[in-house]
Protein backbone atom coordinates (compact mmCIF):
# COMPACT_ATOMS: atom_id res chain seq x y z
CA MET A 1 127.68 107.44 66.69
CA SER A 2 128.69 111.04 67.19
CA GLY A 3 132.17 112.50 68.31
CA ILE A 4 132.26 113.06 71.94
CA LEU A 5 133.38 116.73 70.94
CA ASP A 6 130.82 117.40 68.65
CA GLY A 7 130.01 120.90 68.75
CA VAL A 8 133.32 122.10 70.63
CA ARG A 9 134.79 124.77 68.59
CA VAL A 10 138.51 125.35 68.88
CA LEU A 11 140.75 128.00 67.50
CA ASP A 12 144.32 126.63 66.59
CA LEU A 13 146.91 129.04 66.56
CA THR A 14 149.77 126.30 66.85
CA GLN A 15 152.50 125.56 64.72
CA PHE A 16 155.08 122.86 64.32
CA LEU A 17 154.29 119.56 66.27
CA ALA A 18 153.07 120.18 69.98
CA GLY A 19 150.75 122.17 69.49
CA PRO A 20 149.33 120.84 65.95
CA HIS A 21 149.33 117.04 67.47
CA ALA A 22 147.53 118.37 70.09
CA THR A 23 145.07 119.67 67.90
CA LEU A 24 145.00 116.66 66.07
CA LEU A 25 143.54 114.63 69.16
CA LEU A 26 140.79 117.59 69.74
CA ALA A 27 139.86 116.95 66.12
CA GLY A 28 140.06 113.04 65.87
CA MET A 29 137.32 113.09 68.99
CA GLY A 30 134.95 115.33 66.53
CA ALA A 31 135.85 118.88 67.67
CA GLU A 32 135.69 121.37 64.88
CA VAL A 33 139.37 122.94 65.00
CA ILE A 34 139.83 125.77 62.72
CA ARG A 35 143.95 126.36 61.77
CA ILE A 36 144.63 130.18 61.71
CA ASP A 37 147.07 131.03 59.38
CA ASN A 38 148.94 134.32 58.89
CA PRO A 39 147.81 135.38 55.44
CA LYS A 40 151.43 136.50 54.43
CA THR A 41 153.24 133.64 55.14
CA GLY A 42 150.73 130.37 55.39
CA ASP A 43 151.11 127.41 57.51
CA THR A 44 154.81 126.36 58.87
CA LEU A 45 154.50 122.65 57.51
CA SER A 46 153.42 122.20 53.79
CA GLY A 47 156.64 123.77 52.48
CA SER A 48 158.85 121.79 55.01
CA PRO A 49 160.48 118.60 53.91
CA VAL A 50 160.20 115.72 53.63
CA PHE A 51 157.67 116.10 50.68
CA PHE A 52 154.90 113.58 49.42
CA GLY A 53 153.11 114.36 46.00
CA ALA A 54 152.34 112.74 42.63
CA GLY A 55 155.87 111.26 42.46
CA GLY A 56 156.26 109.75 45.98
CA PRO A 57 158.51 110.93 48.70
CA SER A 58 161.16 113.91 47.67
CA PHE A 59 163.55 115.92 50.02
CA GLU A 60 163.05 118.39 47.27
CA LYS A 61 159.56 120.45 46.08
CA ARG A 62 159.21 119.51 42.34
CA ASP A 63 155.80 120.27 41.42
CA ASP A 64 152.78 122.09 43.48
CA SER A 65 151.39 118.78 44.38
CA ASP A 66 154.50 118.28 46.91
CA LEU A 67 153.41 118.94 50.25
CA GLY A 68 155.12 118.15 53.54
CA ILE A 69 154.60 114.99 55.02
CA ALA A 70 154.14 116.67 58.43
CA PHE A 71 151.23 119.01 56.83
CA LEU A 72 149.60 116.04 55.54
CA LYS A 73 149.84 114.14 58.89
CA ARG A 74 148.82 116.86 61.52
CA SER A 75 146.62 118.82 59.45
CA ARG A 76 143.83 116.28 59.02
CA ALA A 77 140.40 117.08 59.72
CA LYS A 78 140.96 120.48 60.84
CA LYS A 79 139.80 123.89 58.97
CA ALA A 80 141.63 126.42 57.72
CA ILE A 81 141.40 130.00 57.63
CA THR A 82 144.34 132.99 57.46
CA LEU A 83 144.02 136.06 59.47
CA ASP A 84 146.65 138.52 60.46
CA LEU A 85 147.00 139.05 63.94
CA LYS A 86 149.17 141.72 63.82
CA SER A 87 146.54 144.33 62.28
CA ASP A 88 143.84 145.77 64.25
CA GLU A 89 141.47 144.63 61.90
CA GLY A 90 142.48 141.00 61.97
CA ARG A 91 142.79 140.82 66.15
CA ASP A 92 138.80 142.92 65.86
CA LEU A 93 137.89 139.34 63.96
CA PHE A 94 140.05 137.15 66.03
CA LEU A 95 138.09 138.48 68.99
CA ARG A 96 134.95 137.90 67.40
CA LEU A 97 135.76 133.91 66.83
CA VAL A 98 136.38 133.89 70.15
CA ALA A 99 133.32 134.92 71.20
CA LYS A 100 131.87 132.05 69.22
CA ALA A 101 134.65 129.43 70.07
CA ASP A 102 135.40 126.96 73.07
CA VAL A 103 138.92 126.50 73.02
CA VAL A 104 141.79 128.21 71.79
CA VAL A 105 145.00 126.34 71.81
CA GLU A 106 148.47 128.49 70.98
CA ASN A 107 151.94 127.35 71.28
CA PHE A 108 153.74 131.07 70.44
CA SER A 109 156.64 131.86 72.50
CA VAL A 110 156.30 133.70 75.67
CA GLY A 111 154.92 136.95 75.84
CA VAL A 112 154.10 136.70 71.96
CA THR A 113 150.46 136.41 72.67
CA GLU A 114 150.59 139.69 75.36
CA ARG A 115 152.09 141.79 72.22
CA LEU A 116 149.46 140.50 69.71
CA GLY A 117 146.59 141.16 72.42
CA ILE A 118 145.19 137.34 72.54
CA ASP A 119 146.57 136.38 75.60
CA TRP A 120 144.23 134.83 78.19
CA PRO A 121 143.14 137.96 80.58
CA ARG A 122 142.30 139.76 76.82
CA LEU A 123 139.98 136.17 75.69
CA ARG A 124 138.32 135.88 78.79
CA ALA A 125 137.16 139.55 79.13
CA VAL A 126 135.39 138.57 75.41
CA ASN A 127 134.26 135.20 76.42
CA PRO A 128 134.65 133.91 79.98
CA ARG A 129 133.29 130.12 79.47
CA LEU A 130 136.74 130.05 76.80
CA VAL A 131 139.56 126.99 77.70
CA TYR A 132 142.67 129.10 76.74
CA CYS A 133 146.05 126.56 76.65
CA SER A 134 149.09 128.00 76.11
CA LEU A 135 151.87 124.74 75.55
CA THR A 136 155.08 125.95 75.69
CA GLY A 137 158.73 124.53 76.45
CA TYR A 138 159.20 125.79 79.72
CA GLY A 139 155.81 127.12 80.90
CA SER A 140 154.16 130.42 81.23
CA THR A 141 155.60 131.36 84.88
CA GLY A 142 159.05 130.94 86.34
CA PRO A 143 162.74 132.27 85.68
CA ASP A 144 163.04 130.27 82.09
CA ALA A 145 159.62 130.67 81.30
CA GLY A 146 161.18 133.40 77.89
CA ARG A 147 163.40 130.52 76.77
CA ARG A 148 162.95 129.02 73.54
CA GLY A 149 163.01 125.58 72.94
CA TYR A 150 162.44 122.34 70.64
CA ASP A 151 161.59 118.78 71.27
CA VAL A 152 165.61 118.10 71.56
CA THR A 153 166.53 120.97 73.79
CA THR A 154 163.42 120.51 76.44
CA GLN A 155 164.51 116.57 76.17
CA ALA A 156 168.38 117.93 77.58
CA MET A 157 166.55 120.48 80.00
CA SER A 158 164.61 118.01 81.32
CA GLY A 159 167.19 115.28 81.90
CA LEU A 160 165.74 112.83 79.77
CA MET A 161 168.34 112.70 77.28
CA SER A 162 170.69 112.26 80.19
CA VAL A 163 169.33 109.03 80.97
CA THR A 164 168.82 108.00 77.54
CA GLY A 165 171.58 105.75 76.05
CA HIS A 166 174.05 103.08 77.17
CA PRO A 167 176.35 103.17 80.11
CA GLY A 168 179.67 105.17 79.42
CA GLY A 169 178.37 106.52 75.86
CA PRO A 170 176.57 110.38 75.21
CA PRO A 171 173.44 111.74 76.19
CA THR A 172 170.73 110.99 73.45
CA LYS A 173 167.45 111.81 72.47
CA ALA A 174 164.12 109.70 71.84
CA GLY A 175 163.83 108.29 68.56
CA SER A 176 160.54 110.22 67.74
CA PRO A 177 160.18 113.57 69.08
CA LEU A 178 158.59 112.44 72.47
CA ALA A 179 158.80 115.78 74.05
CA ASP A 180 156.68 117.40 71.54
CA THR A 181 153.96 114.12 71.31
CA ILE A 182 153.77 113.01 74.87
CA SER A 183 153.57 117.37 76.01
CA ALA A 184 150.40 117.22 72.89
CA GLY A 185 148.99 114.39 74.74
CA PHE A 186 148.99 116.26 77.98
CA ALA A 187 147.59 119.66 76.74
CA PHE A 188 144.83 117.28 75.14
CA ALA A 189 143.89 115.91 78.26
CA GLY A 190 144.53 119.50 79.96
CA VAL A 191 141.59 120.88 77.41
CA LEU A 192 139.34 118.09 78.19
CA GLY A 193 139.62 118.32 82.28
CA ALA A 194 138.79 122.20 81.47
CA LEU A 195 135.61 121.38 79.07
CA LEU A 196 134.87 119.24 82.15
CA HIS A 197 135.26 122.15 84.58
CA ARG A 198 133.22 124.25 82.67
CA GLU A 199 130.50 121.96 82.42
CA LYS A 200 130.49 121.80 85.87
CA THR A 201 130.81 125.68 86.79
CA GLY A 202 130.20 127.28 83.62
CA GLU A 203 133.53 128.70 84.17
CA GLY A 204 136.24 128.73 81.30
CA GLN A 205 140.21 128.74 82.34
CA TRP A 206 143.76 128.88 81.18
CA VAL A 207 145.69 125.48 81.03
CA ASP A 208 149.51 125.93 81.23
CA VAL A 209 151.56 123.22 79.71
CA SER A 210 155.41 123.48 79.64
CA MET A 211 157.12 120.27 77.66
CA VAL A 212 160.06 120.42 80.71
CA ASP A 213 157.41 119.83 83.25
CA VAL A 214 155.59 116.85 81.11
CA LEU A 215 158.98 115.04 81.18
CA PHE A 216 160.29 115.71 84.38
CA SER A 217 156.86 114.43 85.70
CA LEU A 218 157.37 110.96 83.71
CA LEU A 219 161.20 110.41 84.25
CA PHE A 220 161.34 110.84 88.09
CA ASP A 221 158.98 108.10 88.91
CA GLU A 222 162.48 106.34 88.67
CA PRO A 223 164.77 106.73 91.30
CA PHE A 224 167.55 108.34 89.30
CA ASP A 225 168.18 110.78 92.25
CA GLN A 226 169.78 107.68 94.32
CA TYR A 227 171.94 106.01 91.24
CA ALA A 228 175.14 107.18 92.76
CA ALA A 229 174.43 105.77 96.32
CA LEU A 230 173.66 103.08 94.42
CA GLY A 231 177.20 102.65 92.48
CA LEU A 232 175.32 102.96 89.23
CA GLU A 233 175.54 105.26 86.06
CA GLN A 234 172.85 107.40 84.88
CA ARG A 235 172.53 105.85 81.44
CA GLN A 236 171.17 102.09 81.63
CA GLY A 237 170.35 101.45 78.14
CA ASN A 238 167.26 99.17 77.75
CA ARG A 239 167.28 97.91 81.44
CA VAL A 240 164.93 99.06 84.12
CA LEU A 241 166.72 98.69 87.31
CA ARG A 242 163.58 96.72 89.31
CA PHE A 243 163.79 93.68 86.71
CA SER A 244 166.52 91.15 85.91
CA PRO A 245 166.70 89.96 82.78
CA LEU A 246 165.14 92.85 81.31
CA ASN A 247 166.85 94.12 78.16
CA THR A 248 166.79 93.10 74.08
CA PHE A 249 168.75 89.91 72.94
CA LYS A 250 170.09 89.04 70.02
CA THR A 251 168.51 86.14 68.13
CA ALA A 252 169.42 84.11 65.64
CA ASP A 253 167.57 86.77 62.71
CA GLY A 254 167.07 89.51 64.87
CA TRP A 255 165.89 91.07 67.91
CA ALA A 256 164.23 90.31 70.98
CA VAL A 257 163.01 92.05 74.35
CA ILE A 258 162.67 89.87 77.19
CA CYS A 259 161.73 90.52 80.76
CA CYS A 260 161.41 88.26 83.76
CA GLY A 261 159.01 90.80 86.09
CA THR A 262 158.56 87.91 88.95
CA ASP A 263 160.58 85.03 90.50
CA ALA A 264 158.07 82.92 88.69
CA MET A 265 158.68 84.16 85.54
CA TRP A 266 162.45 83.82 85.94
CA ARG A 267 161.71 79.81 86.61
CA GLY A 268 159.81 79.92 83.31
CA LEU A 269 162.34 81.56 81.53
CA CYS A 270 164.92 79.04 83.05
CA GLY A 271 163.03 75.96 81.93
CA VAL A 272 163.03 77.27 78.34
CA ILE A 273 166.65 78.09 77.85
CA GLY A 274 167.76 74.62 79.72
CA ARG A 275 168.82 75.97 82.45
CA ALA A 276 166.75 74.47 85.21
CA ASP A 277 169.57 74.50 87.89
CA LEU A 278 168.86 78.13 87.97
CA ALA A 279 165.61 78.52 88.44
CA ASP A 280 165.61 77.82 92.55
CA HIS A 281 168.76 78.84 93.15
CA PRO A 282 169.34 80.49 96.50
CA ASP A 283 171.13 83.65 94.63
CA TRP A 284 169.79 83.26 90.73
CA GLY A 285 166.36 82.84 91.81
CA ARG A 286 165.90 86.12 93.46
CA MET A 287 164.68 89.27 92.03
CA GLY A 288 167.70 91.24 94.42
CA TRP A 289 170.39 88.99 93.20
CA ARG A 290 169.15 89.18 89.63
CA VAL A 291 169.73 92.64 89.54
CA ALA A 292 172.71 93.28 91.20
CA HIS A 293 174.23 90.51 88.88
CA ASN A 294 172.72 91.54 85.52
CA ALA A 295 175.11 91.02 83.64
CA GLU A 296 175.82 87.31 84.64
CA VAL A 297 172.14 87.01 83.77
CA GLU A 298 172.06 88.77 80.22
CA ALA A 299 175.33 86.25 79.47
CA ALA A 300 173.21 83.06 80.69
CA VAL A 301 169.95 84.15 78.52
CA GLY A 302 171.88 85.43 75.76
CA ALA A 303 173.38 82.27 75.52
CA TRP A 304 170.37 80.81 74.39
CA THR A 305 168.61 83.64 72.35
CA GLY A 306 171.88 83.55 69.93
CA GLY A 307 170.85 80.11 68.57
CA VAL A 308 166.76 80.85 68.25
CA GLU A 309 164.76 82.99 65.95
CA THR A 310 163.33 85.68 66.87
CA ALA A 311 159.60 84.55 66.49
CA ALA A 312 160.85 81.30 67.60
CA ALA A 313 161.76 82.62 71.25
CA VAL A 314 158.97 84.65 71.50
CA ASP A 315 156.81 82.09 71.49
CA ARG A 316 158.24 79.43 73.72
CA LEU A 317 158.89 82.06 76.16
CA SER A 318 155.10 83.20 76.30
CA ALA A 319 154.00 80.01 76.40
CA ALA A 320 156.15 79.49 79.64
CA GLY A 321 154.96 82.36 81.36
CA VAL A 322 157.47 85.26 80.32
CA VAL A 323 156.93 88.64 79.22
CA ALA A 324 158.55 88.46 75.59
CA SER A 325 158.24 90.35 72.12
CA PRO A 326 159.90 90.58 68.79
CA VAL A 327 161.36 94.23 68.12
CA HIS A 328 159.18 95.70 65.47
CA THR A 329 160.80 98.08 62.43
CA ILE A 330 158.38 100.11 60.95
CA ASP A 331 157.66 97.76 57.95
CA ASP A 332 156.55 95.65 60.25
CA LEU A 333 154.28 97.83 62.00
CA LEU A 334 152.46 98.72 58.83
CA SER A 335 151.83 94.98 57.66
CA TRP A 336 151.14 93.89 61.54
CA PRO A 337 147.30 92.62 61.36
CA HIS A 338 147.24 93.68 65.25
CA LEU A 339 147.23 97.25 64.28
CA LYS A 340 145.80 97.66 61.33
CA ALA A 341 142.37 95.52 63.27
CA ARG A 342 142.56 98.20 65.74
CA GLY A 343 142.32 101.00 63.08
CA MET A 344 145.65 102.51 63.75
CA VAL A 345 147.22 102.26 60.42
CA GLN A 346 145.35 104.71 58.07
CA PRO A 347 146.01 105.98 54.52
CA VAL A 348 146.42 109.76 54.19
CA GLU A 349 144.50 111.69 52.09
CA HIS A 350 146.06 114.68 49.77
CA PRO A 351 143.90 117.80 49.26
CA THR A 352 143.94 117.50 45.20
CA LEU A 353 145.73 113.93 44.70
CA GLY A 354 143.21 111.86 47.13
CA LEU A 355 144.29 108.93 49.00
CA LEU A 356 148.18 108.65 48.68
CA ASP A 357 149.69 105.09 47.55
CA GLY A 358 152.12 104.69 49.85
CA LEU A 359 151.51 107.36 52.39
CA LYS A 360 150.01 105.98 55.73
CA ALA A 361 149.58 108.13 59.10
CA ALA A 362 148.24 107.03 62.44
CA GLY A 363 144.85 106.45 63.12
CA PHE A 364 143.31 108.19 66.54
CA PRO A 365 144.44 105.98 69.63
CA LEU A 366 141.24 106.13 71.87
CA LYS A 367 138.39 103.89 71.18
CA PHE A 368 135.27 104.83 72.73
CA SER A 369 132.18 102.44 73.24
CA ALA A 370 129.37 105.08 72.80
CA GLY A 371 131.72 108.16 70.80
CA ASP A 372 132.94 107.71 67.24
CA THR A 373 136.67 108.79 66.67
CA GLY A 374 138.92 108.97 64.02
CA TYR A 375 140.41 111.61 61.39
CA SER A 376 137.44 112.52 58.47
CA GLY A 377 139.17 114.48 55.68
CA ALA A 378 142.39 115.78 54.17
CA ALA A 379 144.73 118.51 55.04
CA ALA A 380 143.31 122.03 54.06
CA ALA A 381 145.48 124.83 52.60
CA SER A 382 145.64 127.75 54.17
CA GLY A 383 142.48 129.88 53.68
CA THR A 384 140.58 127.25 52.14
CA HIS A 385 137.56 127.60 54.69
CA ASN A 386 137.53 131.77 54.94
CA ARG A 387 134.78 132.26 52.99
CA GLU A 388 132.77 129.46 55.19
CA VAL A 389 134.32 130.78 58.89
CA PHE A 390 133.65 134.79 57.97
CA ALA A 391 130.59 134.84 55.82
CA GLY A 392 129.37 131.33 57.93
CA LEU A 393 130.26 131.81 60.92
CA LEU A 394 130.99 135.67 61.51
CA GLY A 395 128.08 136.58 59.03
CA LEU A 396 130.53 139.06 56.85
CA SER A 397 129.14 139.26 53.13
CA GLU A 398 130.85 138.28 50.34
CA ASP A 399 132.02 142.12 49.65
CA GLU A 400 133.33 142.04 53.17
CA VAL A 401 135.04 138.93 52.51
CA ALA A 402 136.71 140.00 49.47
CA ALA A 403 137.70 143.19 50.99
CA LEU A 404 139.70 141.43 53.80
CA ALA A 405 141.35 139.46 51.64
CA ALA A 406 142.16 142.42 49.24
CA ARG A 407 143.97 143.99 52.10
CA ALA A 408 145.49 141.22 53.64
CA THR A 409 143.89 140.77 56.63
CA ILE A 410 142.24 137.55 55.80
């Protein structure tokens, strides 16, 4: 099967995580992604710790084989060229590439593309069918559009940190850079939607993605604005205030998540933990009462889980119709047969060393019955595909390409 986005060419002007992850997803669906780096500085990821090379992982670069793990993962399946967008000659070459492209993705600070002369109005004039995606911390409009943002600041500004953590504890970021990666997923979806629109109308468009907008749209499904009226703290740890019990519980050898989403599940749980007296109790048997008296409910459940090993607890609860699972560690995930069967644990390829022993990356998360997906090819060093793109795609001669390199335009 061919990739769903076979024949779609993406010019990737992104850096760090949010943008590169968005273009990685496009590559995983079959798009030709061309990463464009500054010829004077190279990419932003290969020289950033943590490194992995011939000697394994390291905080310090020990030899030329040591490349940033972020580079090895996020630059998979992409071509790499260099181009000085600050020079007139480089910008003209970029516009020639835009004429042959379907998508441009950028995550510059607001105002940078205008200064470079590669903003949406300029590129639309070159290619009216172009899909142009901007991925920024606060969006391209609004009074705070010019603020610079990283994952942690957008988690803070969106309110996510204010509701993450335990009651009485400090605001806490998510355990992974969710603002970056979730926003990348929205940018990916936005580009796909714009491509579908183009198929219907022949018209390209600008997709404006704000990391703060994305996070706020997700967290505000919960009625956080009503917590004060209910006498609740904003930070509730692992709780979801529609269900009880729903939390992590200490077991004899680890941790398990236990959730009763219905009163029927509660009755099943009561049978497992030996508290049949609470199953149809006029108070305990009602979800509303349990949510309001959650501490008592968790104490009753925890009294049982503390004497049972995780696997046994999960098996017994699951058999009784209760939603339960172990809390997987990273090592658990890498050895989990289910993820392996889904193709989600993949070896990482090094551009010179080949497949690396001991370094894994996530596979492409969407499966299609009529389309191939996945990441084929190692991360490419800056400029690896200069000749292919500038000579093959733009039709420059070998002498012209060499002259551009000599002038550091590419």
